[in-house]
Amino acid sequence: MASAGPGAPGWRFLVRVAAMLLCLFTPASRLSAHEVPQRVAVRAFVQRDGLALRLLVRVPLEAMRDVDFPLRDDGSLDLVGARALLAEAAETWIVTAITITADGTALPAPRIGGARLALPNDRAFDSFAAARASFATVPLVTEFIPWKQALLDVQLDYTLPDSSAALVLHPNFATLGIRTTSVVRIVAADGTERVLAFDGNPESVALDPAWYDTAVQFTRNGFRHILGGVDHLLFVLCLIFPVRRWRSLVTLVTAFTLAHSMTLAASALGFTPSALWFPPLVEALIAASIVWLCIENVVLPEERLASRWPMAFAFGLVHGFGFSFALGTTLQFAGDNLVTALAAFNIGVELGQLLVLACALPVLWLARRHVGVERERLITIVGSVIVAHTAWHWLTTRVDALLQYRGSVTWPALDASFALGAMRVTLLAAVALAAALAMRQILRVPRRS
């Protein structure tokens, strides 16, 4: 039998194994950064100065993937060799991740005014003045920096077409890591700062938003939120399932709208608890409100279901807190237009709610007409049972999440802060009671023939 030569399959397999082992055990002189970091923190300053706009950004060096930074023998970053690649990293991962528009038109690509490496304990980005001055300091040369702890500071200089142009920042920092948290400080001409903090990518960040821009943005946000809030929509549907008369329908929807508008405004203005257990409590109560309505739809007579506006009002107060959690994360983008943002978000919620009602009511009308008068009750029961099944799963899951906060609940100290919080809650309760009594008085007015 002939012996296997070097070109035989067995020899080729051994050569491949040897090559793989050689690659594994040969020390690399450069860092191949292709792994996506789990968490990335971005810090930035933005300042307009006449026709110039300066953007200072600090990001972890490990977020600059596909850029092979050289390493020393001890595994630390080769600072001299890495500096030659900083402009490439900034161009690839920072310049392309930021779009700035002036009066709706995208600005040309910026000039990289500086790029530097920073130590983990570098405090330059504690203020805009310190961050700007840091680019004129002597670059690092001999310090030992593990590459995963190194920071990259970049200065980007934009030229504006008009000193009064409305500037909007469109960041795309979410691509830097699996979870990206950004803190952007907008520095005014007088040195005052507006601090924005967000996860992922916001749709837009207006540097100095006008009231009408804020109104459009937050109306859109409210509309999107209600259409994506399945639990709120199911509550409204359960509320209208057994209702046949327009007067009863308007009364129920008005009570729910008035109530959630009140607590939405109160929460946005800081009149609600800030404890960690409060959001999961509200979410559990929202699920419980849906279950409660479904049970009433099944067991109560129809004449009582059409006149339960107090129940709609009470549960509307709870749902308003739920709306406020979505508003709270975006309210920072309103600038000085807090009241405008609050009103616009609420209008967006109502528009989305009206759209859902406009779609649901004809379907219910057709279903009732199809089954006949004697079986109309069956539609309410079947629909409520299906919704209750989903809502019950939500309730058990949310209660489990709430119970995880049992150990963190402590009795508040009886001090001035507690007294102020108690006064706010009392004021909110008084306003809600006054609104409920006013609505009750209005509904007592007999209709004209």
Protein backbone atom coordinates (compact mmCIF):
# COMPACT_ATOMS: atom_id res chain seq x y z
CA MET A 1 0.00 0.00 0.00
CA ALA A 2 1.43 3.40 -0.96
CA SER A 3 2.33 5.76 1.88
CA ALA A 4 0.48 9.03 2.29
CA GLY A 5 2.41 11.97 0.91
CA PRO A 6 2.35 15.56 2.12
CA GLY A 7 -0.66 16.30 -0.06
CA ALA A 8 -2.79 13.51 1.41
CA PRO A 9 -5.92 14.46 3.42
CA GLY A 10 -4.38 13.29 6.72
CA TRP A 11 -1.36 15.54 6.37
CA ARG A 12 -3.51 18.52 5.35
CA PHE A 13 -5.63 18.06 8.49
CA LEU A 14 -2.53 17.99 10.74
CA VAL A 15 -1.17 21.14 9.08
CA ARG A 16 -4.46 22.99 9.70
CA VAL A 17 -4.52 21.95 13.37
CA ALA A 18 -0.94 23.11 13.81
CA ALA A 19 -1.73 26.46 12.21
CA MET A 20 -4.73 26.98 14.51
CA LEU A 21 -2.66 26.18 17.61
CA LEU A 22 0.05 28.57 16.44
CA CYS A 23 -2.49 31.38 16.10
CA LEU A 24 -3.95 30.68 19.54
CA PHE A 25 -0.67 30.66 21.44
CA THR A 26 1.20 33.38 19.54
CA PRO A 27 0.99 36.72 21.50
CA ALA A 28 -0.74 39.49 19.57
CA SER A 29 0.94 42.85 19.33
CA ARG A 30 -2.25 44.68 18.35
CA LEU A 31 -5.74 44.71 19.77
CA SER A 32 -8.50 43.48 17.50
CA ALA A 33 -11.59 45.12 18.97
CA HIS A 34 -14.64 43.48 17.44
CA GLU A 35 -16.62 42.55 20.56
CA VAL A 36 -19.56 44.82 21.35
CA PRO A 37 -19.23 46.25 24.90
CA GLN A 38 -22.07 45.44 27.29
CA ARG A 39 -22.41 48.96 28.74
CA VAL A 40 -21.13 52.22 27.28
CA ALA A 41 -21.31 55.63 28.96
CA VAL A 42 -21.12 58.69 26.70
CA ARG A 43 -20.53 62.19 28.03
CA ALA A 44 -20.82 65.25 25.82
CA PHE A 45 -20.90 69.05 25.86
CA VAL A 46 -22.53 71.20 23.16
CA GLN A 47 -21.99 74.96 22.85
CA ARG A 48 -22.99 77.43 20.17
CA ASP A 49 -20.76 80.49 19.71
CA GLY A 50 -21.92 82.70 16.85
CA LEU A 51 -21.38 80.77 13.62
CA ALA A 52 -19.43 78.04 15.40
CA LEU A 53 -20.75 74.99 17.19
CA ARG A 54 -18.42 72.97 19.37
CA LEU A 55 -19.20 69.39 20.44
CA LEU A 56 -16.99 67.64 22.99
CA VAL A 57 -17.51 63.90 23.38
CA ARG A 58 -15.99 61.31 25.72
CA VAL A 59 -16.48 57.60 25.00
CA PRO A 60 -14.78 54.39 26.18
CA LEU A 61 -12.01 53.33 23.82
CA GLU A 62 -13.36 49.76 23.72
CA ALA A 63 -16.45 51.09 21.91
CA MET A 64 -14.24 51.93 18.92
CA ARG A 65 -14.59 48.53 17.31
CA ASP A 66 -12.77 47.45 14.14
CA VAL A 67 -9.86 49.76 15.03
CA ASP A 68 -6.78 47.72 15.99
CA PHE A 69 -5.07 49.65 18.78
CA PRO A 70 -1.51 48.43 19.58
CA LEU A 71 -0.68 46.90 22.98
CA ARG A 72 2.50 46.71 25.03
CA ASP A 73 3.97 43.43 26.21
CA ASP A 74 2.25 43.82 29.60
CA GLY A 75 -1.18 44.08 27.93
CA SER A 76 -1.56 47.83 28.42
CA LEU A 77 -2.31 50.27 25.65
CA ASP A 78 0.63 51.48 23.55
CA LEU A 79 -0.15 55.19 23.92
CA VAL A 80 2.18 56.45 21.22
CA GLY A 81 0.97 53.96 18.63
CA ALA A 82 -2.69 54.40 19.63
CA ARG A 83 -2.62 58.19 19.14
CA ALA A 84 -2.07 57.70 15.42
CA LEU A 85 -5.39 55.87 15.22
CA LEU A 86 -7.54 58.24 17.29
CA ALA A 87 -8.65 60.40 14.35
CA GLU A 88 -9.67 57.27 12.42
CA ALA A 89 -11.66 55.98 15.41
CA ALA A 90 -13.35 59.35 15.90
CA GLU A 91 -14.26 59.60 12.23
CA THR A 92 -15.62 56.04 12.09
CA TRP A 93 -17.56 55.84 15.34
CA ILE A 94 -18.32 59.38 16.57
CA VAL A 95 -18.64 61.67 13.56
CA THR A 96 -20.89 59.19 11.77
CA ALA A 97 -23.00 58.70 14.91
CA ILE A 98 -24.01 62.36 15.13
CA THR A 99 -26.18 64.41 12.79
CA ILE A 100 -26.90 68.07 13.52
CA THR A 101 -29.49 70.01 11.54
CA ALA A 102 -29.82 73.79 11.27
CA ASP A 103 -33.35 74.87 10.36
CA GLY A 104 -33.98 71.33 9.13
CA THR A 105 -30.87 71.05 6.94
CA ALA A 106 -28.04 68.74 7.96
CA LEU A 107 -24.74 70.49 8.68
CA PRO A 108 -21.62 69.45 6.74
CA ALA A 109 -19.25 66.98 8.37
CA PRO A 110 -17.35 68.60 11.24
CA ARG A 111 -13.65 69.18 11.58
CA ILE A 112 -11.99 67.05 14.24
CA GLY A 113 -10.47 69.77 16.39
CA GLY A 114 -8.78 67.36 18.78
CA ALA A 115 -8.59 63.76 19.90
CA ARG A 116 -6.89 62.56 23.07
CA LEU A 117 -6.61 59.55 25.33
CA ALA A 118 -7.66 59.93 28.95
CA LEU A 119 -7.13 57.96 32.13
CA PRO A 120 -10.12 56.47 33.98
CA ASN A 121 -9.70 59.04 36.80
CA ASP A 122 -9.49 62.03 34.42
CA ARG A 123 -11.90 64.75 35.65
CA ALA A 124 -11.73 66.98 32.58
CA PHE A 125 -15.35 66.34 31.60
CA ASP A 126 -16.67 67.59 34.92
CA SER A 127 -17.12 71.00 33.27
CA PHE A 128 -17.16 72.44 29.77
CA ALA A 129 -14.22 74.76 30.42
CA ALA A 130 -12.06 71.92 31.76
CA ALA A 131 -13.02 69.60 28.90
CA ARG A 132 -12.18 72.25 26.30
CA ALA A 133 -8.85 73.08 27.95
CA SER A 134 -7.87 69.40 28.18
CA PHE A 135 -7.24 69.19 24.43
CA ALA A 136 -4.31 71.61 24.84
CA THR A 137 -2.59 69.51 27.51
CA VAL A 138 0.43 67.30 26.94
CA PRO A 139 -0.66 63.88 25.62
CA LEU A 140 -0.14 60.76 27.70
CA VAL A 141 3.07 58.84 26.95
CA THR A 142 4.22 56.54 29.74
CA GLU A 143 1.12 55.84 31.80
CA PHE A 144 -0.12 52.27 32.21
CA ILE A 145 -3.70 52.02 30.92
CA PRO A 146 -5.51 48.70 30.48
CA TRP A 147 -7.12 49.12 27.09
CA LYS A 148 -10.63 48.44 28.38
CA GLN A 149 -10.32 51.35 30.82
CA ALA A 150 -8.97 53.93 28.38
CA LEU A 151 -11.18 56.85 27.34
CA LEU A 152 -11.30 58.73 24.05
CA ASP A 153 -12.03 62.47 24.10
CA VAL A 154 -12.94 64.14 20.80
CA GLN A 155 -13.62 67.75 19.85
CA LEU A 156 -15.82 68.34 16.80
CA ASP A 157 -16.13 71.82 15.27
CA TYR A 158 -19.13 72.67 13.07
CA THR A 159 -19.75 75.79 10.99
CA LEU A 160 -23.28 77.21 11.13
CA PRO A 161 -25.05 78.94 8.23
CA ASP A 162 -26.81 81.35 10.58
CA SER A 163 -26.11 82.33 14.16
CA SER A 164 -29.83 82.18 14.96
CA ALA A 165 -30.59 78.88 13.21
CA ALA A 166 -32.63 76.32 15.14
CA LEU A 167 -30.23 73.48 15.92
CA VAL A 168 -31.35 69.90 16.48
CA LEU A 169 -29.04 67.06 17.51
CA HIS A 170 -29.79 63.54 16.23
CA PRO A 171 -27.49 61.18 18.18
CA ASN A 172 -26.96 57.56 17.23
CA PHE A 173 -24.83 56.49 20.17
CA ALA A 174 -26.76 53.25 20.69
CA THR A 175 -24.49 51.53 18.16
CA LEU A 176 -21.51 51.93 20.49
CA GLY A 177 -22.63 49.19 22.88
CA ILE A 178 -25.37 46.77 23.81
CA ARG A 179 -26.67 49.34 26.27
CA THR A 180 -25.58 52.94 25.85
CA THR A 181 -26.29 55.69 28.38
CA SER A 182 -25.59 59.26 27.32
CA VAL A 183 -25.35 62.48 29.32
CA VAL A 184 -25.38 65.57 27.11
CA ARG A 185 -24.86 69.04 28.58
CA ILE A 186 -26.08 71.93 26.44
CA VAL A 187 -24.04 74.99 27.40
CA ALA A 188 -25.65 78.40 26.87
CA ALA A 189 -23.73 81.58 26.06
CA ASP A 190 -23.95 82.72 29.68
CA GLY A 191 -22.49 79.43 30.95
CA THR A 192 -25.71 77.88 32.22
CA GLU A 193 -26.25 74.24 31.35
CA ARG A 194 -29.22 72.04 30.47
CA VAL A 195 -28.45 68.41 31.29
CA LEU A 196 -30.04 65.62 29.27
CA ALA A 197 -29.67 61.92 30.13
CA PHE A 198 -31.04 59.13 27.96
CA ASP A 199 -30.57 55.48 27.04
CA GLY A 200 -30.21 54.47 23.42
CA ASN A 201 -31.16 57.01 20.77
CA PRO A 202 -33.72 59.76 21.23
CA GLU A 203 -35.48 60.83 18.08
CA SER A 204 -34.11 64.36 18.31
CA VAL A 205 -32.61 66.77 20.81
CA ALA A 206 -33.38 70.44 20.15
CA LEU A 207 -30.65 72.63 21.58
CA ASP A 208 -33.11 75.48 22.17
CA PRO A 209 -36.57 74.15 21.35
CA ALA A 210 -39.34 76.54 20.32
CA TRP A 211 -42.75 76.00 21.86
CA TYR A 212 -44.33 74.89 18.57
CA ASP A 213 -41.56 72.34 17.96
CA THR A 214 -42.11 71.03 21.47
CA ALA A 215 -45.86 70.83 20.87
CA VAL A 216 -45.45 68.77 17.70
CA GLN A 217 -42.86 66.44 19.22
CA PHE A 218 -44.79 65.70 22.42
CA THR A 219 -48.13 65.34 20.66
CA ARG A 220 -46.47 62.69 18.53
CA ASN A 221 -44.96 61.06 21.63
CA GLY A 222 -48.31 60.89 23.41
CA PHE A 223 -50.03 59.46 20.33
CA ARG A 224 -47.39 56.76 19.96
CA HIS A 225 -47.46 55.93 23.65
CA ILE A 226 -51.18 55.28 23.88
CA LEU A 227 -51.15 53.15 20.73
CA GLY A 228 -48.30 51.11 22.20
CA GLY A 229 -49.86 50.88 25.67
CA VAL A 230 -51.92 47.74 25.31
CA ASP A 231 -53.01 47.73 28.95
CA HIS A 232 -54.48 51.25 28.71
CA LEU A 233 -56.31 50.38 25.50
CA LEU A 234 -57.76 47.18 26.96
CA PHE A 235 -59.06 49.16 29.92
CA VAL A 236 -60.87 51.58 27.60
CA LEU A 237 -62.31 48.69 25.57
CA CYS A 238 -63.58 46.94 28.71
CA LEU A 239 -65.11 50.23 29.75
CA ILE A 240 -67.13 50.58 26.55
CA PHE A 241 -67.99 46.90 25.92
CA PRO A 242 -71.47 47.04 27.52
CA VAL A 243 -72.28 50.66 26.58
CA ARG A 244 -74.89 51.32 23.87
CA ARG A 245 -75.93 54.95 24.43
CA TRP A 246 -73.77 57.85 23.31
CA ARG A 247 -74.42 59.86 26.47
CA SER A 248 -73.12 57.04 28.68
CA LEU A 249 -70.13 56.54 26.40
CA VAL A 250 -69.18 60.22 26.50
CA THR A 251 -69.59 60.29 30.27
CA LEU A 252 -67.32 57.29 30.86
CA VAL A 253 -64.61 58.46 28.47
CA THR A 254 -64.72 62.01 29.86
CA ALA A 255 -64.35 60.76 33.44
CA PHE A 256 -61.39 58.59 32.51
CA THR A 257 -59.76 61.38 30.47
CA LEU A 258 -60.22 64.03 33.15
CA ALA A 259 -58.77 61.78 35.84
CA HIS A 260 -55.67 60.63 34.00
CA SER A 261 -55.00 64.19 32.80
CA MET A 262 -54.92 65.36 36.42
CA THR A 263 -52.47 62.77 37.70
CA LEU A 264 -50.36 63.03 34.55
CA ALA A 265 -49.93 66.75 35.19
CA ALA A 266 -49.37 66.26 38.91
CA SER A 267 -46.70 63.65 38.34
CA ALA A 268 -44.89 65.77 35.73
CA LEU A 269 -44.83 68.67 38.19
CA GLY A 270 -43.36 66.53 40.97
CA PHE A 271 -46.45 65.89 43.09
CA THR A 272 -45.98 62.11 43.27
CA PRO A 273 -43.77 59.78 45.33
CA SER A 274 -40.24 59.20 44.05
CA ALA A 275 -39.79 55.84 45.79
CA LEU A 276 -38.59 52.90 43.69
CA TRP A 277 -41.66 50.84 44.57
CA PHE A 278 -44.13 53.39 43.22
CA PRO A 279 -43.86 52.59 39.44
CA PRO A 280 -44.31 48.81 39.92
CA LEU A 281 -47.22 49.52 42.28
CA VAL A 282 -48.93 51.63 39.63
CA GLU A 283 -48.33 48.99 36.94
CA ALA A 284 -49.87 46.33 39.20
CA LEU A 285 -52.88 48.55 39.92
CA ILE A 286 -53.39 49.16 36.19
CA ALA A 287 -53.56 45.40 35.59
CA ALA A 288 -55.90 45.05 38.58
CA SER A 289 -58.19 47.76 37.16
CA ILE A 290 -58.61 45.76 33.94
CA VAL A 291 -59.40 42.57 35.86
CA TRP A 292 -61.92 44.45 38.00
CA LEU A 293 -63.72 45.89 34.98
CA CYS A 294 -63.89 42.48 33.34
CA ILE A 295 -65.44 40.95 36.45
CA GLU A 296 -68.02 43.75 36.60
CA ASN A 297 -68.84 43.26 32.92
CA VAL A 298 -69.68 39.62 33.63
CA VAL A 299 -71.56 39.83 36.95
CA LEU A 300 -73.27 43.24 37.03
CA PRO A 301 -76.52 44.09 35.21
CA GLU A 302 -76.17 46.25 32.12
CA GLU A 303 -77.96 49.27 33.58
CA ARG A 304 -75.27 49.59 36.24
CA LEU A 305 -72.42 49.13 33.78
CA ALA A 306 -73.49 52.17 31.77
CA SER A 307 -73.37 54.48 34.83
CA ARG A 308 -70.06 53.56 36.45
CA TRP A 309 -68.26 56.81 35.69
CA PRO A 310 -66.96 57.06 39.30
CA MET A 311 -65.10 53.79 38.72
CA ALA A 312 -63.71 55.13 35.43
CA PHE A 313 -62.62 58.31 37.21
CA ALA A 314 -60.92 56.44 40.07
CA PHE A 315 -59.03 54.09 37.79
CA GLY A 316 -58.19 56.99 35.47
CA LEU A 317 -56.18 58.53 38.31
CA VAL A 318 -54.05 55.38 38.41
CA HIS A 319 -53.60 55.23 34.64
CA GLY A 320 -52.44 58.85 34.63
CA PHE A 321 -49.46 57.88 36.75
CA GLY A 322 -48.68 55.20 34.19
CA PHE A 323 -48.71 57.80 31.41
CA SER A 324 -46.39 60.00 33.45
CA PHE A 325 -43.67 57.34 33.55
CA ALA A 326 -43.40 57.53 29.76
CA LEU A 327 -43.55 61.33 29.81
CA GLY A 328 -40.96 61.63 32.57
CA THR A 329 -38.13 60.19 30.49
CA THR A 330 -38.77 62.61 27.61
CA LEU A 331 -39.82 65.76 29.47
CA GLN A 332 -36.17 66.83 29.71
CA PHE A 333 -36.15 67.48 25.95
CA ALA A 334 -38.80 70.20 26.31
CA GLY A 335 -36.34 72.83 27.53
CA ASP A 336 -38.27 75.75 29.01
CA ASN A 337 -41.56 74.60 27.45
CA LEU A 338 -42.67 72.34 30.28
CA VAL A 339 -46.34 73.29 30.23
CA THR A 340 -46.48 73.04 26.44
CA ALA A 341 -44.91 69.58 26.50
CA LEU A 342 -47.33 68.40 29.19
CA ALA A 343 -50.40 69.67 27.34
CA ALA A 344 -49.19 68.35 23.98
CA PHE A 345 -48.44 64.89 25.36
CA ASN A 346 -51.91 64.72 26.87
CA ILE A 347 -53.47 65.84 23.58
CA GLY A 348 -51.54 63.10 21.78
CA VAL A 349 -52.85 60.53 24.25
CA GLU A 350 -56.42 61.70 23.70
CA LEU A 351 -56.04 61.64 19.92
CA GLY A 352 -54.76 58.07 20.07
CA GLN A 353 -57.59 57.12 22.39
CA LEU A 354 -60.17 58.65 20.04
CA LEU A 355 -58.64 56.78 17.12
CA VAL A 356 -58.99 53.47 18.97
CA LEU A 357 -62.59 54.27 19.86
CA ALA A 358 -63.35 55.24 16.28
CA CYS A 359 -62.10 51.82 15.16
CA ALA A 360 -63.62 49.76 18.00
CA LEU A 361 -67.14 51.21 18.14
CA PRO A 362 -68.14 50.31 14.54
CA VAL A 363 -66.84 46.78 15.11
CA LEU A 364 -68.91 46.43 18.28
CA TRP A 365 -71.96 47.86 16.51
CA LEU A 366 -71.63 45.40 13.63
CA ALA A 367 -71.10 42.48 16.03
CA ARG A 368 -74.22 43.37 18.01
CA ARG A 369 -76.25 43.76 14.86
CA HIS A 370 -75.06 40.36 13.64
CA VAL A 371 -75.85 38.39 16.82
CA GLY A 372 -79.19 40.09 17.50
CA VAL A 373 -80.59 41.95 20.49
CA GLU A 374 -81.13 38.82 22.61
CA ARG A 375 -77.42 37.87 22.43
CA GLU A 376 -75.76 41.26 22.78
CA ARG A 377 -74.84 40.46 26.36
CA LEU A 378 -72.82 37.51 25.12
CA ILE A 379 -70.39 39.82 23.28
CA THR A 380 -69.61 41.69 26.49
CA ILE A 381 -69.08 38.49 28.47
CA VAL A 382 -66.87 36.74 25.92
CA GLY A 383 -64.79 39.84 25.25
CA SER A 384 -64.33 40.51 28.98
CA VAL A 385 -63.29 36.92 29.70
CA ILE A 386 -60.64 37.02 26.96
CA VAL A 387 -59.25 40.34 28.23
CA ALA A 388 -59.37 39.17 31.84
CA HIS A 389 -57.22 36.15 30.98
CA THR A 390 -54.44 38.41 29.67
CA ALA A 391 -54.83 40.99 32.43
CA TRP A 392 -54.62 38.30 35.13
CA HIS A 393 -51.24 37.18 33.83
CA TRP A 394 -50.09 40.81 33.86
CA LEU A 395 -51.32 41.20 37.42
CA THR A 396 -49.49 38.16 38.79
CA THR A 397 -46.27 39.13 37.01
CA ARG A 398 -46.42 42.74 38.19
CA VAL A 399 -47.26 41.78 41.76
CA ASP A 400 -44.20 39.53 41.81
CA ALA A 401 -42.10 42.44 40.59
CA LEU A 402 -43.61 44.70 43.25
CA LEU A 403 -42.88 42.21 46.04
CA GLN A 404 -39.18 42.40 45.22
CA TYR A 405 -39.19 45.88 46.74
CA ARG A 406 -40.42 44.73 50.14
CA GLY A 407 -36.97 44.98 51.68
CA SER A 408 -36.41 48.51 50.36
CA VAL A 409 -39.56 50.00 51.89
CA THR A 410 -38.72 52.15 54.93
CA TRP A 411 -40.83 54.52 56.95
CA PRO A 412 -40.05 58.13 55.99
CA ALA A 413 -38.60 60.48 58.58
CA LEU A 414 -41.11 62.91 60.03
CA ASP A 415 -39.33 66.04 58.84
CA ALA A 416 -40.03 69.06 56.64
CA SER A 417 -39.58 67.02 53.47
CA PHE A 418 -42.22 64.52 54.61
CA ALA A 419 -44.60 67.33 55.51
CA LEU A 420 -44.16 68.91 52.08
CA GLY A 421 -44.81 65.57 50.36
CA ALA A 422 -47.90 64.98 52.49
CA MET A 423 -49.22 68.44 51.59
CA ARG A 424 -48.75 67.71 47.90
CA VAL A 425 -50.58 64.39 48.12
CA THR A 426 -53.39 66.01 50.11
CA LEU A 427 -53.68 68.81 47.55
CA LEU A 428 -53.83 66.29 44.70
CA ALA A 429 -56.50 64.27 46.51
CA ALA A 430 -58.53 67.44 47.17
CA VAL A 431 -58.37 68.48 43.52
CA ALA A 432 -59.41 64.99 42.40
CA LEU A 433 -62.33 64.97 44.84
CA ALA A 434 -63.44 68.42 43.69
CA ALA A 435 -63.32 67.32 40.07
CA ALA A 436 -65.35 64.20 40.84
CA LEU A 437 -67.98 66.19 42.74
CA ALA A 438 -68.19 68.75 39.93
CA MET A 439 -68.70 66.01 37.37
CA ARG A 440 -71.36 64.41 39.55
CA GLN A 441 -73.20 67.72 39.79
CA ILE A 442 -73.05 68.20 36.01
CA LEU A 443 -74.45 64.73 35.37
CA ARG A 444 -77.34 65.44 37.71
CA VAL A 445 -78.58 68.27 35.46
CA PRO A 446 -81.65 66.92 33.67
CA ARG A 447 -81.52 66.83 29.91
CA ARG A 448 -83.85 69.15 28.05
CA SER A 449 -86.59 67.48 26.10
